[in-house]
Amino acid sequence: SGKTRDIIDPGNGELLAIGATNGRIYLFDTFTLDRKGVIQLPKTDTDEKIPWLPLVNDVAFDPQGDFLVSVSESSTQRLATLWRLSDLSVERSVAVSGHFRPRCAFSAGGESIVISDGSQLQVYDRAMQRVLTQIGMTSEVFALHPSKQLALTNGGNDALCVRDISSGEELRSVQG
């Protein structure tokens, strides 16, 4: 299976999460590479003729290393899921839409979760129960800064833009 995204736990740096194309998130000890767990995303397609497992597009740890958020897609839906790492259980899942590969990140303090789907950027409360901010965007988000409220997006005409997540304002850009 292919790797889609990997990230090291910022809490103590001892856990590595790898999102995969086979509907799994693999957790490893950063130093020994011993497998610490596997999260299997549930199959979301109802048509049994389609052998489609969710593709894990992105994963992110909360700053304390207690939770992991993932965004995944199948042939019928896209989900953002908050996982409790103590027992690898689902805390909450929400549907996301959009045209591009979804991305996710925790805010620097861990009090909110940012989900980008290419057409909009949504900032959820930590429990993913309500949207705090929603910014319409017509550009794909390539990366979310792990410690600042910044997103790297395309700005059209081969431009690369840095945007403020809370306002959507373009802070700077460079032609590619």
N, C-alpha and C. Protein backbone atom coordinates (compact mmCIF):
# COMPACT_ATOMS: atom_id res chain seq x y z
N SER A 1 0.84 -1.19 0.00
CA SER A 1 0.00 0.00 0.00
C SER A 1 0.87 1.24 0.00
N GLY A 2 0.38 2.30 -0.60
CA GLY A 2 1.14 3.53 -0.71
C GLY A 2 0.94 4.43 0.48
N LYS A 3 1.91 5.29 0.70
CA LYS A 3 1.86 6.26 1.80
C LYS A 3 1.29 7.56 1.26
N THR A 4 0.41 8.21 2.02
CA THR A 4 -0.14 9.48 1.59
C THR A 4 0.39 10.64 2.42
N ARG A 5 0.65 10.42 3.70
CA ARG A 5 1.12 11.51 4.56
C ARG A 5 1.65 10.89 5.83
N ASP A 6 2.74 11.44 6.36
CA ASP A 6 3.22 11.00 7.66
C ASP A 6 3.55 12.20 8.52
N ILE A 7 3.49 12.00 9.81
CA ILE A 7 3.71 13.10 10.74
C ILE A 7 4.16 12.52 12.08
N ILE A 8 5.03 13.26 12.78
CA ILE A 8 5.52 12.84 14.09
C ILE A 8 4.78 13.59 15.17
N ASP A 9 4.39 12.88 16.22
CA ASP A 9 3.66 13.41 17.36
C ASP A 9 4.45 14.55 18.01
N PRO A 10 3.85 15.75 18.11
CA PRO A 10 4.55 16.87 18.73
C PRO A 10 4.55 16.82 20.26
N GLY A 11 3.71 15.95 20.84
CA GLY A 11 3.64 15.85 22.30
C GLY A 11 4.97 15.45 22.91
N ASN A 12 5.48 14.30 22.50
CA ASN A 12 6.78 13.85 22.99
C ASN A 12 7.68 13.34 21.88
N GLY A 13 7.21 13.39 20.65
CA GLY A 13 8.02 12.99 19.51
C GLY A 13 8.24 11.50 19.39
N GLU A 14 7.51 10.70 20.13
CA GLU A 14 7.74 9.26 20.15
C GLU A 14 6.83 8.45 19.25
N LEU A 15 5.89 9.12 18.58
CA LEU A 15 4.92 8.39 17.76
C LEU A 15 4.91 8.97 16.35
N LEU A 16 4.93 8.08 15.36
CA LEU A 16 4.87 8.43 13.95
C LEU A 16 3.56 7.89 13.40
N ALA A 17 2.79 8.73 12.72
CA ALA A 17 1.55 8.29 12.08
C ALA A 17 1.73 8.37 10.57
N ILE A 18 1.33 7.33 9.88
CA ILE A 18 1.42 7.29 8.43
C ILE A 18 0.04 6.97 7.87
N GLY A 19 -0.53 7.90 7.12
CA GLY A 19 -1.78 7.66 6.42
C GLY A 19 -1.48 6.89 5.14
N ALA A 20 -2.31 5.91 4.82
CA ALA A 20 -2.03 5.04 3.69
C ALA A 20 -3.19 4.98 2.71
N THR A 21 -2.89 4.47 1.53
CA THR A 21 -3.89 4.36 0.48
C THR A 21 -4.79 3.13 0.65
N ASN A 22 -4.53 2.32 1.68
CA ASN A 22 -5.33 1.12 1.91
C ASN A 22 -6.36 1.31 3.02
N GLY A 23 -6.68 2.56 3.36
CA GLY A 23 -7.68 2.82 4.38
C GLY A 23 -7.19 2.65 5.80
N ARG A 24 -5.88 2.71 5.99
CA ARG A 24 -5.32 2.53 7.32
C ARG A 24 -4.41 3.69 7.71
N ILE A 25 -4.30 3.88 9.01
CA ILE A 25 -3.32 4.79 9.59
C ILE A 25 -2.42 3.92 10.46
N TYR A 26 -1.14 3.90 10.14
CA TYR A 26 -0.17 3.11 10.88
C TYR A 26 0.52 3.99 11.91
N LEU A 27 0.67 3.47 13.12
CA LEU A 27 1.34 4.17 14.20
C LEU A 27 2.60 3.40 14.58
N PHE A 28 3.73 4.10 14.60
CA PHE A 28 5.02 3.49 14.90
C PHE A 28 5.73 4.26 15.99
N ASP A 29 6.58 3.55 16.75
CA ASP A 29 7.50 4.20 17.66
C ASP A 29 8.54 4.91 16.78
N THR A 30 8.75 6.19 17.01
CA THR A 30 9.64 6.98 16.17
C THR A 30 11.08 6.47 16.19
N PHE A 31 11.52 5.95 17.31
CA PHE A 31 12.92 5.57 17.45
C PHE A 31 13.20 4.12 17.07
N THR A 32 12.31 3.20 17.45
CA THR A 32 12.55 1.78 17.17
C THR A 32 11.85 1.30 15.90
N LEU A 33 10.85 2.08 15.45
CA LEU A 33 9.98 1.74 14.33
C LEU A 33 9.13 0.51 14.59
N ASP A 34 8.97 0.14 15.88
CA ASP A 34 8.03 -0.91 16.26
C ASP A 34 6.62 -0.39 16.01
N ARG A 35 5.76 -1.24 15.46
CA ARG A 35 4.38 -0.85 15.21
C ARG A 35 3.65 -0.75 16.54
N LYS A 36 3.01 0.39 16.79
CA LYS A 36 2.27 0.63 18.03
C LYS A 36 0.77 0.50 17.85
N GLY A 37 0.32 0.48 16.62
CA GLY A 37 -1.11 0.33 16.38
C GLY A 37 -1.46 0.58 14.92
N VAL A 38 -2.65 0.13 14.56
CA VAL A 38 -3.18 0.36 13.22
C VAL A 38 -4.63 0.79 13.38
N ILE A 39 -4.97 1.87 12.74
CA ILE A 39 -6.36 2.33 12.71
C ILE A 39 -6.90 1.95 11.34
N GLN A 40 -7.95 1.14 11.32
CA GLN A 40 -8.59 0.76 10.07
C GLN A 40 -9.83 1.61 9.89
N LEU A 41 -9.85 2.43 8.85
CA LEU A 41 -11.03 3.23 8.57
C LEU A 41 -12.12 2.30 8.05
N PRO A 42 -13.36 2.55 8.45
CA PRO A 42 -14.44 1.68 7.96
C PRO A 42 -14.70 1.91 6.48
N LYS A 43 -15.07 0.84 5.80
CA LYS A 43 -15.45 0.96 4.39
C LYS A 43 -16.75 1.74 4.33
N THR A 44 -16.78 2.79 3.51
CA THR A 44 -17.95 3.66 3.48
C THR A 44 -18.83 3.44 2.27
N ASP A 45 -18.34 2.72 1.28
CA ASP A 45 -19.14 2.49 0.08
C ASP A 45 -20.15 1.38 0.33
N THR A 46 -21.36 1.59 -0.15
CA THR A 46 -22.41 0.60 0.06
C THR A 46 -22.47 -0.42 -1.07
N ASP A 47 -21.88 -0.11 -2.21
CA ASP A 47 -21.88 -1.02 -3.34
C ASP A 47 -20.75 -2.03 -3.16
N GLU A 48 -21.07 -3.27 -2.88
CA GLU A 48 -20.08 -4.31 -2.63
C GLU A 48 -19.26 -4.65 -3.88
N LYS A 49 -19.73 -4.24 -5.07
CA LYS A 49 -18.99 -4.51 -6.29
C LYS A 49 -17.77 -3.60 -6.42
N ILE A 50 -17.74 -2.52 -5.63
CA ILE A 50 -16.63 -1.57 -5.69
C ILE A 50 -15.67 -1.89 -4.54
N PRO A 51 -14.49 -2.43 -4.85
CA PRO A 51 -13.54 -2.76 -3.78
C PRO A 51 -12.74 -1.51 -3.37
N TRP A 52 -13.41 -0.53 -2.81
CA TRP A 52 -12.79 0.76 -2.54
C TRP A 52 -12.67 0.99 -1.04
N LEU A 53 -11.46 1.06 -0.58
CA LEU A 53 -11.21 1.45 0.81
C LEU A 53 -10.97 2.94 0.85
N PRO A 54 -11.26 3.57 1.96
CA PRO A 54 -11.00 5.01 2.04
C PRO A 54 -9.50 5.30 1.89
N LEU A 55 -9.20 6.35 1.17
CA LEU A 55 -7.83 6.83 1.02
C LEU A 55 -7.59 7.86 2.12
N VAL A 56 -6.59 7.66 2.95
CA VAL A 56 -6.26 8.62 4.00
C VAL A 56 -5.43 9.72 3.36
N ASN A 57 -6.02 10.90 3.21
CA ASN A 57 -5.34 12.01 2.54
C ASN A 57 -4.37 12.75 3.44
N ASP A 58 -4.70 12.87 4.73
CA ASP A 58 -3.86 13.66 5.62
C ASP A 58 -4.12 13.24 7.06
N VAL A 59 -3.12 13.41 7.90
CA VAL A 59 -3.24 13.15 9.34
C VAL A 59 -2.51 14.27 10.08
N ALA A 60 -2.96 14.53 11.31
CA ALA A 60 -2.29 15.55 12.14
C ALA A 60 -2.53 15.21 13.61
N PHE A 61 -1.48 15.34 14.42
CA PHE A 61 -1.58 15.17 15.87
C PHE A 61 -1.98 16.48 16.53
N ASP A 62 -2.68 16.39 17.65
CA ASP A 62 -2.87 17.58 18.47
C ASP A 62 -1.54 17.88 19.17
N PRO A 63 -1.31 19.11 19.62
CA PRO A 63 -0.01 19.47 20.21
C PRO A 63 0.38 18.62 21.42
N GLN A 64 -0.58 18.09 22.15
CA GLN A 64 -0.28 17.27 23.32
C GLN A 64 -0.05 15.80 22.97
N GLY A 65 -0.42 15.40 21.76
CA GLY A 65 -0.23 14.01 21.34
C GLY A 65 -1.30 13.06 21.86
N ASP A 66 -2.47 13.59 22.26
CA ASP A 66 -3.55 12.74 22.75
C ASP A 66 -4.54 12.33 21.67
N PHE A 67 -4.62 13.13 20.61
CA PHE A 67 -5.59 12.91 19.55
C PHE A 67 -4.90 12.99 18.19
N LEU A 68 -5.54 12.38 17.21
CA LEU A 68 -5.10 12.43 15.83
C LEU A 68 -6.33 12.78 15.00
N VAL A 69 -6.19 13.68 14.06
CA VAL A 69 -7.28 13.96 13.14
C VAL A 69 -6.84 13.45 11.77
N SER A 70 -7.78 12.86 11.04
CA SER A 70 -7.49 12.39 9.68
C SER A 70 -8.58 12.89 8.75
N VAL A 71 -8.22 13.05 7.48
CA VAL A 71 -9.21 13.29 6.44
C VAL A 71 -9.03 12.20 5.41
N SER A 72 -10.15 11.64 4.98
CA SER A 72 -10.11 10.51 4.06
C SER A 72 -11.22 10.65 3.05
N GLU A 73 -11.09 9.90 1.96
CA GLU A 73 -12.13 9.92 0.94
C GLU A 73 -12.29 8.54 0.34
N SER A 74 -13.52 8.24 -0.04
CA SER A 74 -13.83 7.01 -0.77
C SER A 74 -14.53 7.44 -2.04
N SER A 75 -15.10 6.51 -2.76
CA SER A 75 -15.79 6.88 -4.00
C SER A 75 -17.10 7.61 -3.72
N THR A 76 -17.59 7.55 -2.48
CA THR A 76 -18.89 8.17 -2.19
C THR A 76 -18.85 9.30 -1.18
N GLN A 77 -17.78 9.42 -0.38
CA GLN A 77 -17.76 10.50 0.61
C GLN A 77 -16.36 10.83 1.09
N ARG A 78 -16.27 12.00 1.73
CA ARG A 78 -15.04 12.45 2.38
C ARG A 78 -15.36 12.70 3.84
N LEU A 79 -14.46 12.24 4.72
CA LEU A 79 -14.68 12.38 6.15
C LEU A 79 -13.46 12.98 6.85
N ALA A 80 -13.74 13.79 7.85
CA ALA A 80 -12.71 14.21 8.80
C ALA A 80 -13.04 13.47 10.09
N THR A 81 -12.06 12.80 10.67
CA THR A 81 -12.28 11.98 11.85
C THR A 81 -11.28 12.33 12.93
N LEU A 82 -11.79 12.49 14.15
CA LEU A 82 -10.96 12.75 15.32
C LEU A 82 -10.82 11.44 16.08
N TRP A 83 -9.57 10.98 16.26
CA TRP A 83 -9.27 9.70 16.90
C TRP A 83 -8.65 9.94 18.27
N ARG A 84 -9.11 9.20 19.27
CA ARG A 84 -8.50 9.21 20.60
C ARG A 84 -7.37 8.18 20.57
N LEU A 85 -6.14 8.62 20.82
CA LEU A 85 -4.99 7.73 20.68
C LEU A 85 -4.86 6.73 21.82
N SER A 86 -5.45 7.00 22.98
CA SER A 86 -5.32 6.07 24.10
C SER A 86 -5.92 4.70 23.79
N ASP A 87 -7.00 4.67 23.00
CA ASP A 87 -7.61 3.39 22.65
C ASP A 87 -7.94 3.27 21.15
N LEU A 88 -7.46 4.22 20.35
CA LEU A 88 -7.66 4.25 18.90
C LEU A 88 -9.14 4.27 18.51
N SER A 89 -9.95 4.91 19.33
CA SER A 89 -11.38 4.98 19.05
C SER A 89 -11.73 6.31 18.37
N VAL A 90 -12.87 6.30 17.70
CA VAL A 90 -13.38 7.50 17.03
C VAL A 90 -14.04 8.40 18.06
N GLU A 91 -13.59 9.62 18.13
CA GLU A 91 -14.22 10.63 18.98
C GLU A 91 -15.38 11.27 18.23
N ARG A 92 -15.15 11.59 16.94
CA ARG A 92 -16.19 12.21 16.12
C ARG A 92 -15.76 12.20 14.66
N SER A 93 -16.72 12.09 13.75
CA SER A 93 -16.49 12.21 12.31
C SER A 93 -17.46 13.21 11.73
N VAL A 94 -16.99 13.99 10.76
CA VAL A 94 -17.85 14.93 10.05
C VAL A 94 -17.58 14.81 8.56
N ALA A 95 -18.61 14.99 7.76
CA ALA A 95 -18.47 14.94 6.30
C ALA A 95 -17.86 16.24 5.81
N VAL A 96 -16.97 16.13 4.83
CA VAL A 96 -16.40 17.31 4.17
C VAL A 96 -16.64 17.17 2.68
N SER A 97 -16.66 18.30 1.99
CA SER A 97 -16.88 18.27 0.54
C SER A 97 -15.68 18.92 -0.12
N GLY A 98 -15.80 19.25 -1.37
CA GLY A 98 -14.73 19.96 -2.05
C GLY A 98 -14.26 19.25 -3.29
N HIS A 99 -13.35 19.91 -3.97
CA HIS A 99 -12.88 19.42 -5.26
C HIS A 99 -11.45 18.90 -5.22
N PHE A 100 -10.72 19.24 -4.19
CA PHE A 100 -9.32 18.88 -4.10
C PHE A 100 -9.09 17.94 -2.93
N ARG A 101 -7.89 17.42 -2.85
CA ARG A 101 -7.50 16.52 -1.77
C ARG A 101 -7.61 17.24 -0.43
N PRO A 102 -8.40 16.75 0.50
CA PRO A 102 -8.56 17.43 1.79
C PRO A 102 -7.30 17.39 2.64
N ARG A 103 -7.12 18.43 3.44
CA ARG A 103 -5.99 18.56 4.37
C ARG A 103 -6.53 18.84 5.76
N CYS A 104 -5.71 18.57 6.79
CA CYS A 104 -6.14 18.84 8.16
C CYS A 104 -4.96 19.27 9.00
N ALA A 105 -5.26 19.99 10.08
CA ALA A 105 -4.23 20.41 11.03
C ALA A 105 -4.91 20.85 12.31
N PHE A 106 -4.19 20.75 13.41
CA PHE A 106 -4.63 21.36 14.66
C PHE A 106 -4.05 22.76 14.72
N SER A 107 -4.74 23.66 15.40
CA SER A 107 -4.17 24.99 15.63
C SER A 107 -2.98 24.84 16.56
N ALA A 108 -2.17 25.88 16.64
CA ALA A 108 -0.93 25.83 17.42
C ALA A 108 -1.18 25.42 18.87
N GLY A 109 -2.24 25.91 19.48
CA GLY A 109 -2.55 25.56 20.87
C GLY A 109 -3.40 24.32 21.02
N GLY A 110 -3.88 23.77 19.90
CA GLY A 110 -4.71 22.57 19.93
C GLY A 110 -6.17 22.82 20.23
N GLU A 111 -6.57 24.10 20.31
CA GLU A 111 -7.96 24.40 20.65
C GLU A 111 -8.92 24.29 19.47
N SER A 112 -8.39 24.19 18.25
CA SER A 112 -9.26 24.06 17.09
C SER A 112 -8.60 23.16 16.05
N ILE A 113 -9.43 22.70 15.12
CA ILE A 113 -9.00 21.81 14.04
C ILE A 113 -9.36 22.48 12.72
N VAL A 114 -8.40 22.52 11.82
CA VAL A 114 -8.60 23.14 10.51
C VAL A 114 -8.73 22.04 9.46
N ILE A 115 -9.81 22.13 8.68
CA ILE A 115 -10.03 21.19 7.58
C ILE A 115 -10.15 22.02 6.30
N SER A 116 -9.37 21.67 5.32
CA SER A 116 -9.43 22.35 4.03
C SER A 116 -9.80 21.32 2.97
N ASP A 117 -10.73 21.69 2.11
CA ASP A 117 -11.12 20.76 1.05
C ASP A 117 -10.98 21.37 -0.34
N GLY A 118 -10.29 22.49 -0.44
CA GLY A 118 -10.08 23.11 -1.74
C GLY A 118 -11.09 24.17 -2.08
N SER A 119 -12.33 24.00 -1.66
CA SER A 119 -13.32 25.03 -1.93
C SER A 119 -13.61 25.87 -0.70
N GLN A 120 -13.29 25.34 0.46
CA GLN A 120 -13.47 26.09 1.69
C GLN A 120 -12.51 25.61 2.76
N LEU A 121 -12.26 26.49 3.68
CA LEU A 121 -11.42 26.17 4.81
C LEU A 121 -12.30 26.34 6.05
N GLN A 122 -12.43 25.29 6.83
CA GLN A 122 -13.29 25.33 8.00
C GLN A 122 -12.45 25.14 9.25
N VAL A 123 -12.72 25.97 10.25
CA VAL A 123 -12.07 25.84 11.54
C VAL A 123 -13.12 25.33 12.52
N TYR A 124 -12.90 24.14 13.07
CA TYR A 124 -13.82 23.51 14.02
C TYR A 124 -13.31 23.70 15.45
N ASP A 125 -14.24 23.64 16.41
CA ASP A 125 -13.80 23.56 17.80
C ASP A 125 -13.09 22.22 17.99
N ARG A 126 -12.37 22.09 19.07
CA ARG A 126 -11.55 20.90 19.30
C ARG A 126 -12.35 19.59 19.25
N ALA A 127 -13.59 19.61 19.66
CA ALA A 127 -14.42 18.40 19.65
C ALA A 127 -15.07 18.14 18.29
N MET A 128 -14.83 19.03 17.31
CA MET A 128 -15.42 18.94 15.97
C MET A 128 -16.94 18.93 16.02
N GLN A 129 -17.51 19.68 16.97
CA GLN A 129 -18.97 19.73 17.08
C GLN A 129 -19.57 20.96 16.42
N ARG A 130 -18.75 22.00 16.20
CA ARG A 130 -19.29 23.17 15.50
C ARG A 130 -18.18 23.88 14.74
N VAL A 131 -18.59 24.51 13.65
CA VAL A 131 -17.66 25.27 12.82
C VAL A 131 -17.52 26.66 13.42
N LEU A 132 -16.28 27.05 13.75
CA LEU A 132 -16.02 28.37 14.31
C LEU A 132 -15.86 29.42 13.22
N THR A 133 -15.19 29.04 12.14
CA THR A 133 -14.94 29.95 11.02
C THR A 133 -15.01 29.15 9.74
N GLN A 134 -15.56 29.75 8.71
CA GLN A 134 -15.60 29.11 7.40
C GLN A 134 -15.21 30.16 6.37
N ILE A 135 -14.22 29.84 5.57
CA ILE A 135 -13.73 30.77 4.56
C ILE A 135 -13.85 30.10 3.20
N GLY A 136 -14.60 30.72 2.31
CA GLY A 136 -14.70 30.21 0.94
C GLY A 136 -13.41 30.48 0.21
N MET A 137 -12.90 29.48 -0.48
CA MET A 137 -11.66 29.63 -1.23
C MET A 137 -11.83 28.96 -2.58
N THR A 138 -11.20 29.52 -3.57
CA THR A 138 -11.25 28.90 -4.89
C THR A 138 -9.92 28.26 -5.23
N SER A 139 -9.06 28.13 -4.23
CA SER A 139 -7.73 27.58 -4.49
C SER A 139 -7.49 26.34 -3.65
N GLU A 140 -6.60 25.52 -4.12
CA GLU A 140 -6.23 24.32 -3.38
C GLU A 140 -5.26 24.68 -2.27
N VAL A 141 -5.48 24.09 -1.11
CA VAL A 141 -4.55 24.27 0.00
C VAL A 141 -3.52 23.17 -0.08
N PHE A 142 -2.24 23.55 -0.20
CA PHE A 142 -1.16 22.58 -0.30
C PHE A 142 -0.65 22.15 1.06
N ALA A 143 -0.62 23.09 2.00
CA ALA A 143 -0.07 22.78 3.32
C ALA A 143 -0.65 23.72 4.36
N LEU A 144 -0.75 23.22 5.58
CA LEU A 144 -1.16 24.03 6.72
C LEU A 144 0.01 24.09 7.67
N HIS A 145 0.37 25.28 8.11
CA HIS A 145 1.51 25.43 9.01
C HIS A 145 1.16 24.81 10.36
N PRO A 146 2.05 23.97 10.93
CA PRO A 146 1.71 23.27 12.16
C PRO A 146 1.69 24.15 13.41
N SER A 147 2.36 25.28 13.40
CA SER A 147 2.40 26.08 14.63
C SER A 147 1.87 27.49 14.47
N LYS A 148 1.50 27.87 13.28
CA LYS A 148 0.92 29.20 13.04
C LYS A 148 -0.37 29.02 12.27
N GLN A 149 -1.21 30.04 12.26
CA GLN A 149 -2.49 29.97 11.57
C GLN A 149 -2.31 30.38 10.11
N LEU A 150 -1.52 29.61 9.36
CA LEU A 150 -1.21 29.94 7.97
C LEU A 150 -1.49 28.75 7.07
N ALA A 151 -1.91 29.06 5.86
CA ALA A 151 -2.11 28.03 4.84
C ALA A 151 -1.36 28.43 3.59
N LEU A 152 -0.75 27.47 2.92
CA LEU A 152 -0.07 27.69 1.65
C LEU A 152 -1.03 27.23 0.57
N THR A 153 -1.41 28.14 -0.33
CA THR A 153 -2.41 27.84 -1.36
C THR A 153 -1.88 28.24 -2.73
N ASN A 154 -2.58 27.75 -3.78
CA ASN A 154 -2.28 28.29 -5.10
C ASN A 154 -3.17 29.51 -5.29
N GLY A 155 -2.66 30.50 -5.98
CA GLY A 155 -3.39 31.75 -6.15
C GLY A 155 -3.74 32.06 -7.58
N GLY A 156 -3.65 31.09 -8.46
CA GLY A 156 -3.92 31.34 -9.87
C GLY A 156 -2.69 31.93 -10.55
N ASN A 157 -2.61 31.81 -11.84
CA ASN A 157 -1.48 32.31 -12.61
C ASN A 157 -0.16 31.82 -12.05
N ASP A 158 -0.12 30.57 -11.62
CA ASP A 158 1.09 29.93 -11.08
C ASP A 158 1.65 30.63 -9.86
N ALA A 159 0.82 31.29 -9.10
CA ALA A 159 1.27 31.96 -7.87
C ALA A 159 1.12 31.02 -6.68
N LEU A 160 2.01 31.16 -5.74
CA LEU A 160 1.96 30.45 -4.46
C LEU A 160 1.63 31.51 -3.41
N CYS A 161 0.61 31.28 -2.59
CA CYS A 161 0.16 32.29 -1.63
C CYS A 161 0.21 31.77 -0.20
N VAL A 162 0.51 32.66 0.72
CA VAL A 162 0.39 32.38 2.15
C VAL A 162 -0.83 33.14 2.63
N ARG A 163 -1.77 32.42 3.25
CA ARG A 163 -3.02 33.03 3.71
C ARG A 163 -3.17 32.87 5.22
N ASP A 164 -3.78 33.85 5.84
CA ASP A 164 -4.15 33.78 7.25
C ASP A 164 -5.40 32.90 7.35
N ILE A 165 -5.35 31.86 8.18
CA ILE A 165 -6.47 30.93 8.28
C ILE A 165 -7.70 31.59 8.88
N SER A 166 -7.53 32.47 9.84
CA SER A 166 -8.70 33.04 10.51
C SER A 166 -9.48 33.99 9.62
N SER A 167 -8.81 34.69 8.70
CA SER A 167 -9.51 35.67 7.87
C SER A 167 -9.56 35.28 6.40
N GLY A 168 -8.68 34.39 5.95
CA GLY A 168 -8.58 34.06 4.54
C GLY A 168 -7.76 35.06 3.75
N GLU A 169 -7.28 36.10 4.42
CA GLU A 169 -6.52 37.16 3.76
C GLU A 169 -5.20 36.63 3.20
N GLU A 170 -4.89 37.05 1.97
CA GLU A 170 -3.61 36.70 1.37
C GLU A 170 -2.55 37.61 1.98
N LEU A 171 -1.56 37.01 2.63
CA LEU A 171 -0.51 37.78 3.30
C LEU A 171 0.65 38.07 2.36
N ARG A 172 1.00 37.12 1.52
CA ARG A 172 2.05 37.31 0.53
C ARG A 172 1.93 36.24 -0.54
N SER A 173 2.54 36.53 -1.68
CA SER A 173 2.51 35.56 -2.77
C SER A 173 3.78 35.71 -3.59
N VAL A 174 4.06 34.66 -4.35
CA VAL A 174 5.22 34.67 -5.25
C VAL A 174 4.79 33.93 -6.51
N GLN A 175 5.22 34.45 -7.64
CA GLN A 175 4.91 33.81 -8.93
C GLN A 175 5.81 32.59 -9.09
N GLY A 176 5.22 31.50 -9.59
CA GLY A 176 5.96 30.24 -9.72
C GLY A 176 6.61 30.06 -11.03
